[in-house]
Protein backbone atom coordinates (compact mmCIF):
# COMPACT_ATOMS: atom_id res chain seq x y z
CA UNK A 1 1.13 13.93 -9.17
CA UNK A 2 1.21 12.26 -12.17
CA UNK A 3 -1.55 11.41 -14.67
CA UNK A 4 -1.25 7.67 -13.58
CA UNK A 5 -1.60 8.34 -9.91
CA UNK A 6 -4.61 10.62 -10.74
CA UNK A 7 -6.18 7.89 -12.69
CA UNK A 8 -5.56 5.36 -9.92
CA UNK A 9 -7.18 7.73 -7.29
CA UNK A 10 -10.04 8.26 -9.62
CA UNK A 11 -10.47 4.46 -9.98
CA UNK A 12 -10.37 3.88 -6.44
CA UNK A 13 -13.02 6.62 -5.71
CA UNK A 14 -15.33 5.07 -8.57
CA UNK A 15 -15.02 1.53 -7.15
CA UNK A 16 -16.20 3.04 -3.78
CA UNK A 17 -19.27 4.74 -5.44
CA UNK A 18 -20.05 1.31 -7.13
CA UNK A 19 -20.73 -0.23 -3.60
CA UNK A 20 -24.22 -0.08 -2.41
CA UNK A 21 -24.64 -1.92 0.72
CA UNK A 22 -22.81 -1.34 4.15
CA UNK A 23 -21.71 -5.31 3.98
CA UNK A 24 -19.97 -4.73 0.89
CA UNK A 25 -18.18 -1.78 1.93
CA UNK A 26 -16.90 -3.61 5.12
CA UNK A 27 -15.79 -6.68 3.11
CA UNK A 28 -13.70 -4.29 0.84
CA UNK A 29 -12.43 -2.49 3.79
CA UNK A 30 -11.27 -5.96 5.03
CA UNK A 31 -9.75 -6.81 1.66
CA UNK A 32 -7.94 -3.22 1.84
CA UNK A 33 -6.52 -3.57 5.50
CA UNK A 34 -5.32 -7.28 4.36
CA UNK A 35 -3.47 -5.77 1.08
CA UNK A 36 -2.16 -2.87 3.04
CA UNK A 37 -0.83 -5.38 5.91
CA UNK A 38 0.93 -7.48 3.04
CA UNK A 39 2.41 -4.40 1.67
CA UNK A 40 3.76 -3.09 4.68
CA UNK A 41 5.29 -6.74 5.36
CA UNK A 42 6.93 -6.81 1.97
CA UNK A 43 8.45 -3.31 2.53
CA UNK A 44 9.70 -4.42 5.84
CA UNK A 45 11.29 -7.69 4.30
CA UNK A 46 12.93 -5.83 1.22
CA UNK A 47 14.23 -3.01 3.42
CA UNK A 48 15.79 -5.47 5.75
CA UNK A 49 17.45 -7.46 3.10
CA UNK A 50 18.67 -4.45 1.25
CA UNK A 51 20.21 -3.22 4.71
CA UNK A 52 21.76 -6.53 5.12
CA UNK A 53 23.43 -6.49 1.72
CA UNK A 54 24.68 -3.10 2.37
CA UNK A 55 26.23 -4.01 5.96
CA UNK A 56 27.76 -7.28 4.63
CA UNK A 57 30.47 -5.88 2.19
CA UNK A 58 31.52 -3.53 5.33
CA UNK A 59 31.90 -6.49 7.44
CA UNK A 60 34.02 -8.36 4.90
CA UNK A 61 31.48 -11.29 4.56
CA UNK A 62 30.51 -10.65 1.12
CA UNK A 63 32.56 -8.77 -1.55
CA UNK A 64 31.41 -5.72 -2.87
CA UNK A 65 30.44 -6.13 -6.53
CA UNK A 66 28.02 -4.98 -9.30
CA UNK A 67 25.36 -7.72 -8.57
CA UNK A 68 25.37 -6.63 -5.12
CA UNK A 69 24.72 -3.23 -5.91
CA UNK A 70 22.00 -3.76 -8.46
CA UNK A 71 20.22 -5.90 -5.85
CA UNK A 72 20.66 -3.03 -3.39
CA UNK A 73 19.30 -0.42 -6.03
CA UNK A 74 16.40 -2.97 -7.13
CA UNK A 75 15.55 -3.20 -3.31
CA UNK A 76 15.39 0.60 -2.90
CA UNK A 77 13.20 0.84 -6.08
CA UNK A 78 10.89 -1.73 -5.02
CA UNK A 79 10.32 -0.13 -1.55
CA UNK A 80 9.71 3.17 -3.39
CA UNK A 81 6.95 1.68 -5.80
CA UNK A 82 5.42 -0.07 -2.39
CA UNK A 83 5.03 3.65 -1.06
CA UNK A 84 3.34 4.84 -4.14
CA UNK A 85 1.02 1.70 -4.25
CA UNK A 86 0.44 2.14 -0.55
CA UNK A 87 -0.65 5.76 -0.99
CA UNK A 88 -3.46 4.87 -3.18
CA UNK A 89 -4.39 1.97 -1.08
CA UNK A 90 -4.57 4.34 2.12
CA UNK A 91 -6.43 6.93 0.23
CA UNK A 92 -8.99 4.30 -0.98
CA UNK A 93 -9.44 3.23 2.52
CA UNK A 94 -9.90 6.68 3.82
CA UNK A 95 -12.81 7.49 1.47
CA UNK A 96 -14.27 4.11 2.36
CA UNK A 97 -14.20 4.67 6.06
CA UNK A 98 -15.81 8.02 5.51
CA UNK A 99 -18.52 6.39 3.17
CA UNK A 100 -18.95 3.80 5.98
CA UNK A 101 -19.54 6.27 8.54
CA UNK A 102 -21.94 8.27 6.63
CA UNK A 103 -24.02 5.00 5.91
CA UNK A 104 -24.03 4.15 9.53
CA UNK A 105 -25.15 7.63 10.50
CA UNK A 106 -27.87 7.62 7.91
CA UNK A 107 -28.99 4.28 9.59
CA UNK A 108 -29.06 5.91 13.05
CA UNK A 109 -30.95 8.80 11.75
CA UNK A 110 -33.54 6.62 10.21
CA UNK A 111 -34.37 4.84 13.32
């Protein structure tokens, strides 16, 4: 892991610790789920476009040239970046779910 990744994880944990109520945590969880879903859609679309750009020259529809190669490499780099961003989001979601679970157990024990 790089220092940037560790800092992102630390920031995510600090954000979770700053949340006080169960309603705030559930709202943030809903937002995280939306961001993760959006990232999954982007990865799927970019991956399909890259795959199409790879196959079209072999079918003879598109000429194989430098801009096409750059578009394919750019798509692959975007997918890799999205996976790194997704790891941070999934980790934050995981710790948020643990925090929500602990809060619900404390509420049940308090009754």
